[in-house]
């Protein structure tokens, strides 16, 4: 039984491997990279890792690794779910066959919560990507998640997190209109050590003549 505060996070790492001087290296062996992983449960998205790749993380149990089938030499997508060793026993993976998302159940008994918690970790490929266009399923990834959501919500609380590659309608704001520089100064530990950029009050992304299916 665990009564302490539980932290959960997800991170699109844009690939766990990189090449330098002709050699292939894993970011999980980089102390600076691992320094940013400090949650009890962490899901790394778009790992671009193959089935044979070793992606173990010190201090964590690798609960699930999802790798997409290769298309040529390139590897796309990929999900890796980790939990600290002391909390992994309270997590049950729910069977599924999607390479875009996975569900995990957090036991109410183990975590001393009022109900079970069902967490969906998802990487939803952009709708215009070659991968999305190649899918033959009648349902989109988000529609599949929605079906599971309606089922699990009857058995406990639900959380959806990850990189959904969602966009908003053309005329909606994609920034916080009340943002101002002083709010950043209040957050930063020492404003003299940081260069504060101007708040950009304009759309970061404009999708013209594109149907918003998200």
C-alpha atoms as a PDB file:
ATOM      1  CA  UNK A   1       0.000   0.000   0.000  1.00  0.00           C
ATOM      2  CA  UNK A   2       1.403   3.375  -1.038  1.00  0.00           C
ATOM      3  CA  UNK A   3       0.159   6.579   0.579  1.00  0.00           C
ATOM      4  CA  UNK A   4       2.674   9.096  -0.729  1.00  0.00           C
ATOM      5  CA  UNK A   5       1.993  11.540  -3.529  1.00  0.00           C
ATOM      6  CA  UNK A   6       2.191   9.906  -6.968  1.00  0.00           C
ATOM      7  CA  UNK A   7       3.576  11.738  -9.997  1.00  0.00           C
ATOM      8  CA  UNK A   8       2.847  10.772 -13.604  1.00  0.00           C
ATOM      9  CA  UNK A   9       4.221  12.374 -16.748  1.00  0.00           C
ATOM     10  CA  UNK A  10       4.711  11.837 -20.457  1.00  0.00           C
ATOM     11  CA  UNK A  11       7.420  13.150 -22.762  1.00  0.00           C
ATOM     12  CA  UNK A  12       7.741  13.137 -26.531  1.00  0.00           C
ATOM     13  CA  UNK A  13      11.483  12.524 -26.819  1.00  0.00           C
ATOM     14  CA  UNK A  14      11.598  12.608 -30.659  1.00  0.00           C
ATOM     15  CA  UNK A  15      13.672   9.449 -30.705  1.00  0.00           C
ATOM     16  CA  UNK A  16      15.683   7.715 -27.968  1.00  0.00           C
ATOM     17  CA  UNK A  17      18.661   7.157 -30.242  1.00  0.00           C
ATOM     18  CA  UNK A  18      20.972   9.502 -32.091  1.00  0.00           C
ATOM     19  CA  UNK A  19      24.073   9.116 -34.237  1.00  0.00           C
ATOM     20  CA  UNK A  20      27.396  10.790 -33.687  1.00  0.00           C
ATOM     21  CA  UNK A  21      30.611  10.091 -35.603  1.00  0.00           C
ATOM     22  CA  UNK A  22      28.933   7.100 -37.191  1.00  0.00           C
ATOM     23  CA  UNK A  23      27.951   5.517 -33.863  1.00  0.00           C
ATOM     24  CA  UNK A  24      24.444   5.027 -32.470  1.00  0.00           C
ATOM     25  CA  UNK A  25      23.855   6.198 -28.904  1.00  0.00           C
ATOM     26  CA  UNK A  26      20.880   5.934 -26.543  1.00  0.00           C
ATOM     27  CA  UNK A  27      19.712   9.054 -24.722  1.00  0.00           C
ATOM     28  CA  UNK A  28      18.937   6.923 -21.649  1.00  0.00           C
ATOM     29  CA  UNK A  29      22.699   6.647 -21.103  1.00  0.00           C
ATOM     30  CA  UNK A  30      23.032  10.429 -21.014  1.00  0.00           C
ATOM     31  CA  UNK A  31      22.939  11.766 -17.406  1.00  0.00           C
ATOM     32  CA  UNK A  32      21.711  15.180 -18.581  1.00  0.00           C
ATOM     33  CA  UNK A  33      18.758  13.547 -20.342  1.00  0.00           C
ATOM     34  CA  UNK A  34      17.890  11.250 -17.441  1.00  0.00           C
ATOM     35  CA  UNK A  35      18.054  14.174 -15.018  1.00  0.00           C
ATOM     36  CA  UNK A  36      14.732  15.325 -16.505  1.00  0.00           C
ATOM     37  CA  UNK A  37      13.041  12.002 -15.723  1.00  0.00           C
ATOM     38  CA  UNK A  38      11.891  12.131 -12.124  1.00  0.00           C
ATOM     39  CA  UNK A  39       8.240  11.052 -12.073  1.00  0.00           C
ATOM     40  CA  UNK A  40       7.042   7.855 -10.411  1.00  0.00           C
ATOM     41  CA  UNK A  41       5.447   6.826 -13.706  1.00  0.00           C
ATOM     42  CA  UNK A  42       6.861   8.137 -16.975  1.00  0.00           C
ATOM     43  CA  UNK A  43       5.798   7.419 -20.522  1.00  0.00           C
ATOM     44  CA  UNK A  44       8.262   8.233 -23.302  1.00  0.00           C
ATOM     45  CA  UNK A  45       6.604   8.850 -26.653  1.00  0.00           C
ATOM     46  CA  UNK A  46       7.871   8.709 -30.219  1.00  0.00           C
ATOM     47  CA  UNK A  47      10.801   6.612 -29.021  1.00  0.00           C
ATOM     48  CA  UNK A  48      11.605   5.407 -32.557  1.00  0.00           C
ATOM     49  CA  UNK A  49      13.022   2.279 -30.947  1.00  0.00           C
ATOM     50  CA  UNK A  50      13.096  -1.154 -32.542  1.00  0.00           C
ATOM     51  CA  UNK A  51      11.857  -4.312 -30.811  1.00  0.00           C
ATOM     52  CA  UNK A  52      15.438  -5.440 -30.216  1.00  0.00           C
ATOM     53  CA  UNK A  53      16.649  -2.139 -28.730  1.00  0.00           C
ATOM     54  CA  UNK A  54      17.605  -2.112 -25.054  1.00  0.00           C
ATOM     55  CA  UNK A  55      15.827   0.854 -23.488  1.00  0.00           C
ATOM     56  CA  UNK A  56      16.089  -0.001 -19.793  1.00  0.00           C
ATOM     57  CA  UNK A  57      16.110   2.948 -17.388  1.00  0.00           C
ATOM     58  CA  UNK A  58      18.025   2.803 -14.114  1.00  0.00           C
ATOM     59  CA  UNK A  59      15.741   2.786 -11.087  1.00  0.00           C
ATOM     60  CA  UNK A  60      12.661   1.997 -13.167  1.00  0.00           C
ATOM     61  CA  UNK A  61      10.816  -1.065 -14.378  1.00  0.00           C
ATOM     62  CA  UNK A  62      10.020  -1.088 -18.078  1.00  0.00           C
ATOM     63  CA  UNK A  63       6.351  -2.027 -18.031  1.00  0.00           C
ATOM     64  CA  UNK A  64       5.690  -1.919 -21.748  1.00  0.00           C
ATOM     65  CA  UNK A  65       7.501  -1.151 -24.981  1.00  0.00           C
ATOM     66  CA  UNK A  66       5.440  -0.599 -28.114  1.00  0.00           C
ATOM     67  CA  UNK A  67       7.285  -0.484 -31.419  1.00  0.00           C
ATOM     68  CA  UNK A  68       5.702   0.142 -34.789  1.00  0.00           C
ATOM     69  CA  UNK A  69       6.488  -2.170 -37.697  1.00  0.00           C
ATOM     70  CA  UNK A  70       9.396  -0.852 -39.747  1.00  0.00           C
ATOM     71  CA  UNK A  71       8.721   0.801 -43.084  1.00  0.00           C
ATOM     72  CA  UNK A  72      12.041   0.635 -44.860  1.00  0.00           C
ATOM     73  CA  UNK A  73      14.985   1.789 -42.737  1.00  0.00           C
ATOM     74  CA  UNK A  74      13.105   4.453 -40.796  1.00  0.00           C
ATOM     75  CA  UNK A  75      11.474   3.812 -37.433  1.00  0.00           C
ATOM     76  CA  UNK A  76       8.547   5.991 -36.421  1.00  0.00           C
ATOM     77  CA  UNK A  77       6.369   6.355 -33.340  1.00  0.00           C
ATOM     78  CA  UNK A  78       6.892   4.080 -30.384  1.00  0.00           C
ATOM     79  CA  UNK A  79       5.876   4.126 -26.709  1.00  0.00           C
ATOM     80  CA  UNK A  80       7.796   3.088 -23.582  1.00  0.00           C
ATOM     81  CA  UNK A  81       6.115   3.043 -20.167  1.00  0.00           C
ATOM     82  CA  UNK A  82       8.232   2.999 -17.006  1.00  0.00           C
ATOM     83  CA  UNK A  83       7.472   2.979 -13.283  1.00  0.00           C
ATOM     84  CA  UNK A  84       9.692   3.248 -10.263  1.00  0.00           C
ATOM     85  CA  UNK A  85      10.312  -0.198  -8.829  1.00  0.00           C
ATOM     86  CA  UNK A  86       8.430   0.590  -5.610  1.00  0.00           C
ATOM     87  CA  UNK A  87       5.189   1.464  -7.449  1.00  0.00           C
ATOM     88  CA  UNK A  88       5.259  -0.964 -10.382  1.00  0.00           C
ATOM     89  CA  UNK A  89       3.356  -3.655  -8.457  1.00  0.00           C
ATOM     90  CA  UNK A  90       0.320  -1.372  -8.252  1.00  0.00           C
ATOM     91  CA  UNK A  91       0.063  -0.990 -12.033  1.00  0.00           C
ATOM     92  CA  UNK A  92      -1.710  -3.384 -14.363  1.00  0.00           C
ATOM     93  CA  UNK A  93      -1.419  -3.094 -18.128  1.00  0.00           C
ATOM     94  CA  UNK A  94      -4.640  -3.525 -20.057  1.00  0.00           C
ATOM     95  CA  UNK A  95      -4.292  -5.682 -23.139  1.00  0.00           C
ATOM     96  CA  UNK A  96      -4.547  -3.943 -26.484  1.00  0.00           C
ATOM     97  CA  UNK A  97      -3.052  -4.124 -29.951  1.00  0.00           C
ATOM     98  CA  UNK A  98      -2.593  -0.454 -30.811  1.00  0.00           C
ATOM     99  CA  UNK A  99       0.825   1.027 -31.546  1.00  0.00           C
ATOM    100  CA  UNK A 100      -0.585   4.501 -30.873  1.00  0.00           C
ATOM    101  CA  UNK A 101      -1.660   4.201 -27.244  1.00  0.00           C
ATOM    102  CA  UNK A 102      -1.799   1.935 -24.208  1.00  0.00           C
ATOM    103  CA  UNK A 103      -3.887   1.790 -21.043  1.00  0.00           C
ATOM    104  CA  UNK A 104      -2.690   1.143 -17.499  1.00  0.00           C
ATOM    105  CA  UNK A 105      -4.782   0.641 -14.365  1.00  0.00           C
ATOM    106  CA  UNK A 106      -3.571   2.058 -11.063  1.00  0.00           C
ATOM    107  CA  UNK A 107      -4.874  -0.059  -8.188  1.00  0.00           C
ATOM    108  CA  UNK A 108      -6.982   1.808  -5.665  1.00  0.00           C
ATOM    109  CA  UNK A 109      -5.824  -0.622  -2.955  1.00  0.00           C
ATOM    110  CA  UNK A 110      -2.127  -0.213  -3.634  1.00  0.00           C
ATOM    111  CA  UNK A 111      -2.238   3.568  -4.034  1.00  0.00           C
ATOM    112  CA  UNK A 112      -4.809   4.157  -1.265  1.00  0.00           C
ATOM    113  CA  UNK A 113      -7.209   5.916  -3.612  1.00  0.00           C
ATOM    114  CA  UNK A 114     -10.999   5.914  -3.544  1.00  0.00           C
ATOM    115  CA  UNK A 115     -11.209   4.208  -6.948  1.00  0.00           C
ATOM    116  CA  UNK A 116      -9.051   2.619  -9.619  1.00  0.00           C
ATOM    117  CA  UNK A 117      -7.491   5.044 -12.084  1.00  0.00           C
ATOM    118  CA  UNK A 118      -7.256   4.175 -15.769  1.00  0.00           C
ATOM    119  CA  UNK A 119      -4.522   6.102 -17.592  1.00  0.00           C
ATOM    120  CA  UNK A 120      -4.207   6.264 -21.358  1.00  0.00           C
ATOM    121  CA  UNK A 121      -0.747   7.138 -22.692  1.00  0.00           C
ATOM    122  CA  UNK A 122      -1.013   8.119 -26.348  1.00  0.00           C
ATOM    123  CA  UNK A 123       1.006   9.251 -29.310  1.00  0.00           C
ATOM    124  CA  UNK A 124      -1.400  10.243 -32.061  1.00  0.00           C
ATOM    125  CA  UNK A 125       0.359  10.690 -35.391  1.00  0.00           C
ATOM    126  CA  UNK A 126      -0.470  13.851 -37.372  1.00  0.00           C
ATOM    127  CA  UNK A 127      -3.486  13.211 -39.564  1.00  0.00           C
ATOM    128  CA  UNK A 128      -1.593  14.223 -42.715  1.00  0.00           C
ATOM    129  CA  UNK A 129       1.366  11.928 -42.011  1.00  0.00           C
ATOM    130  CA  UNK A 130       2.095   9.001 -44.316  1.00  0.00           C
ATOM    131  CA  UNK A 131       1.532   6.623 -41.386  1.00  0.00           C
ATOM    132  CA  UNK A 132      -1.962   7.952 -40.640  1.00  0.00           C
ATOM    133  CA  UNK A 133      -2.870   7.817 -44.306  1.00  0.00           C
ATOM    134  CA  UNK A 134      -1.740   4.185 -44.499  1.00  0.00           C
ATOM    135  CA  UNK A 135      -4.015   3.025 -41.676  1.00  0.00           C
ATOM    136  CA  UNK A 136      -6.869   0.852 -42.887  1.00  0.00           C
ATOM    137  CA  UNK A 137      -8.953   1.014 -39.710  1.00  0.00           C
ATOM    138  CA  UNK A 138     -12.379   2.625 -39.963  1.00  0.00           C
ATOM    139  CA  UNK A 139     -11.755   4.400 -36.649  1.00  0.00           C
ATOM    140  CA  UNK A 140      -9.122   7.038 -35.932  1.00  0.00           C
ATOM    141  CA  UNK A 141      -6.822   6.678 -32.942  1.00  0.00           C
ATOM    142  CA  UNK A 142      -8.825   9.211 -30.953  1.00  0.00           C
ATOM    143  CA  UNK A 143     -12.076   7.428 -31.771  1.00  0.00           C
ATOM    144  CA  UNK A 144     -10.578   4.190 -30.451  1.00  0.00           C
ATOM    145  CA  UNK A 145      -9.489   5.964 -27.277  1.00  0.00           C
ATOM    146  CA  UNK A 146     -12.976   7.421 -26.929  1.00  0.00           C
ATOM    147  CA  UNK A 147     -14.481   3.929 -27.076  1.00  0.00           C
ATOM    148  CA  UNK A 148     -12.159   2.708 -24.320  1.00  0.00           C
ATOM    149  CA  UNK A 149     -12.828   5.849 -22.309  1.00  0.00           C
ATOM    150  CA  UNK A 150     -16.561   5.218 -22.228  1.00  0.00           C
ATOM    151  CA  UNK A 151     -15.881   1.689 -20.982  1.00  0.00           C
ATOM    152  CA  UNK A 152     -13.280   2.440 -18.307  1.00  0.00           C
ATOM    153  CA  UNK A 153     -15.069   5.510 -16.968  1.00  0.00           C
ATOM    154  CA  UNK A 154     -17.710   3.158 -15.555  1.00  0.00           C
ATOM    155  CA  UNK A 155     -15.072   1.351 -13.502  1.00  0.00           C
ATOM    156  CA  UNK A 156     -13.041   4.247 -12.106  1.00  0.00           C
ATOM    157  CA  UNK A 157     -11.412   7.569 -12.866  1.00  0.00           C
ATOM    158  CA  UNK A 158      -9.715   8.164 -16.218  1.00  0.00           C
ATOM    159  CA  UNK A 159      -6.762  10.197 -17.456  1.00  0.00           C
ATOM    160  CA  UNK A 160      -5.611  10.757 -21.036  1.00  0.00           C
ATOM    161  CA  UNK A 161      -2.117  12.111 -21.520  1.00  0.00           C
ATOM    162  CA  UNK A 162       0.570  12.241 -24.161  1.00  0.00           C
ATOM    163  CA  UNK A 163       1.109  13.895 -27.533  1.00  0.00           C
ATOM    164  CA  UNK A 164      -2.207  13.983 -29.377  1.00  0.00           C
ATOM    165  CA  UNK A 165      -1.014  16.250 -32.193  1.00  0.00           C
ATOM    166  CA  UNK A 166      -4.250  18.178 -31.852  1.00  0.00           C
ATOM    167  CA  UNK A 167      -4.992  21.549 -33.348  1.00  0.00           C
ATOM    168  CA  UNK A 168      -7.687  24.127 -32.811  1.00  0.00           C
ATOM    169  CA  UNK A 169      -9.965  26.006 -35.159  1.00  0.00           C
ATOM    170  CA  UNK A 170      -8.414  28.752 -37.251  1.00  0.00           C
ATOM    171  CA  UNK A 171     -10.091  31.638 -35.436  1.00  0.00           C
ATOM    172  CA  UNK A 172      -9.423  30.403 -31.884  1.00  0.00           C
ATOM    173  CA  UNK A 173      -6.530  31.649 -29.775  1.00  0.00           C
ATOM    174  CA  UNK A 174      -3.589  29.296 -29.260  1.00  0.00           C
ATOM    175  CA  UNK A 175      -2.041  31.447 -26.537  1.00  0.00           C
ATOM    176  CA  UNK A 176      -3.174  32.828 -23.174  1.00  0.00           C
ATOM    177  CA  UNK A 177      -4.426  36.347 -23.839  1.00  0.00           C
ATOM    178  CA  UNK A 178      -3.723  37.514 -20.270  1.00  0.00           C
ATOM    179  CA  UNK A 179      -0.044  36.487 -20.348  1.00  0.00           C
ATOM    180  CA  UNK A 180       2.502  39.172 -19.558  1.00  0.00           C
ATOM    181  CA  UNK A 181       6.229  39.286 -18.839  1.00  0.00           C
ATOM    182  CA  UNK A 182       5.737  39.984 -15.123  1.00  0.00           C
ATOM    183  CA  UNK A 183       4.011  36.617 -14.711  1.00  0.00           C
ATOM    184  CA  UNK A 184       7.206  34.935 -15.910  1.00  0.00           C
ATOM    185  CA  UNK A 185       9.311  36.970 -13.502  1.00  0.00           C
ATOM    186  CA  UNK A 186       7.157  35.706 -10.652  1.00  0.00           C
ATOM    187  CA  UNK A 187       7.751  32.084 -11.679  1.00  0.00           C
ATOM    188  CA  UNK A 188      11.488  32.085 -12.424  1.00  0.00           C
ATOM    189  CA  UNK A 189      13.694  31.529  -9.329  1.00  0.00           C
ATOM    190  CA  UNK A 190      16.087  34.376 -10.158  1.00  0.00           C
ATOM    191  CA  UNK A 191      15.123  36.660 -13.024  1.00  0.00           C
ATOM    192  CA  UNK A 192      18.685  38.032 -13.248  1.00  0.00           C
ATOM    193  CA  UNK A 193      19.885  34.643 -14.491  1.00  0.00           C
ATOM    194  CA  UNK A 194      17.255  34.240 -17.195  1.00  0.00           C
ATOM    195  CA  UNK A 195      16.609  36.112 -20.413  1.00  0.00           C
ATOM    196  CA  UNK A 196      12.856  36.585 -20.653  1.00  0.00           C
ATOM    197  CA  UNK A 197      11.447  36.560 -24.156  1.00  0.00           C
ATOM    198  CA  UNK A 198       8.565  38.743 -25.209  1.00  0.00           C
ATOM    199  CA  UNK A 199       5.129  37.175 -25.088  1.00  0.00           C
ATOM    200  CA  UNK A 200       4.021  36.418 -28.641  1.00  0.00           C
ATOM    201  CA  UNK A 201       0.382  37.419 -28.975  1.00  0.00           C
ATOM    202  CA  UNK A 202      -0.355  35.817 -32.313  1.00  0.00           C
ATOM    203  CA  UNK A 203      -1.195  32.420 -33.663  1.00  0.00           C
ATOM    204  CA  UNK A 204       1.751  30.052 -33.611  1.00  0.00           C
ATOM    205  CA  UNK A 205       0.097  27.742 -36.116  1.00  0.00           C
ATOM    206  CA  UNK A 206      -2.465  28.509 -38.801  1.00  0.00           C
ATOM    207  CA  UNK A 207      -4.137  25.641 -40.570  1.00  0.00           C
ATOM    208  CA  UNK A 208      -5.878  27.069 -43.566  1.00  0.00           C
ATOM    209  CA  UNK A 209      -8.701  25.121 -45.206  1.00  0.00           C
ATOM    210  CA  UNK A 210      -8.043  22.108 -43.018  1.00  0.00           C
ATOM    211  CA  UNK A 211     -10.827  20.193 -41.321  1.00  0.00           C
ATOM    212  CA  UNK A 212     -10.309  19.981 -37.591  1.00  0.00           C
ATOM    213  CA  UNK A 213     -11.002  16.358 -36.779  1.00  0.00           C
ATOM    214  CA  UNK A 214      -9.623  16.637 -33.263  1.00  0.00           C
END
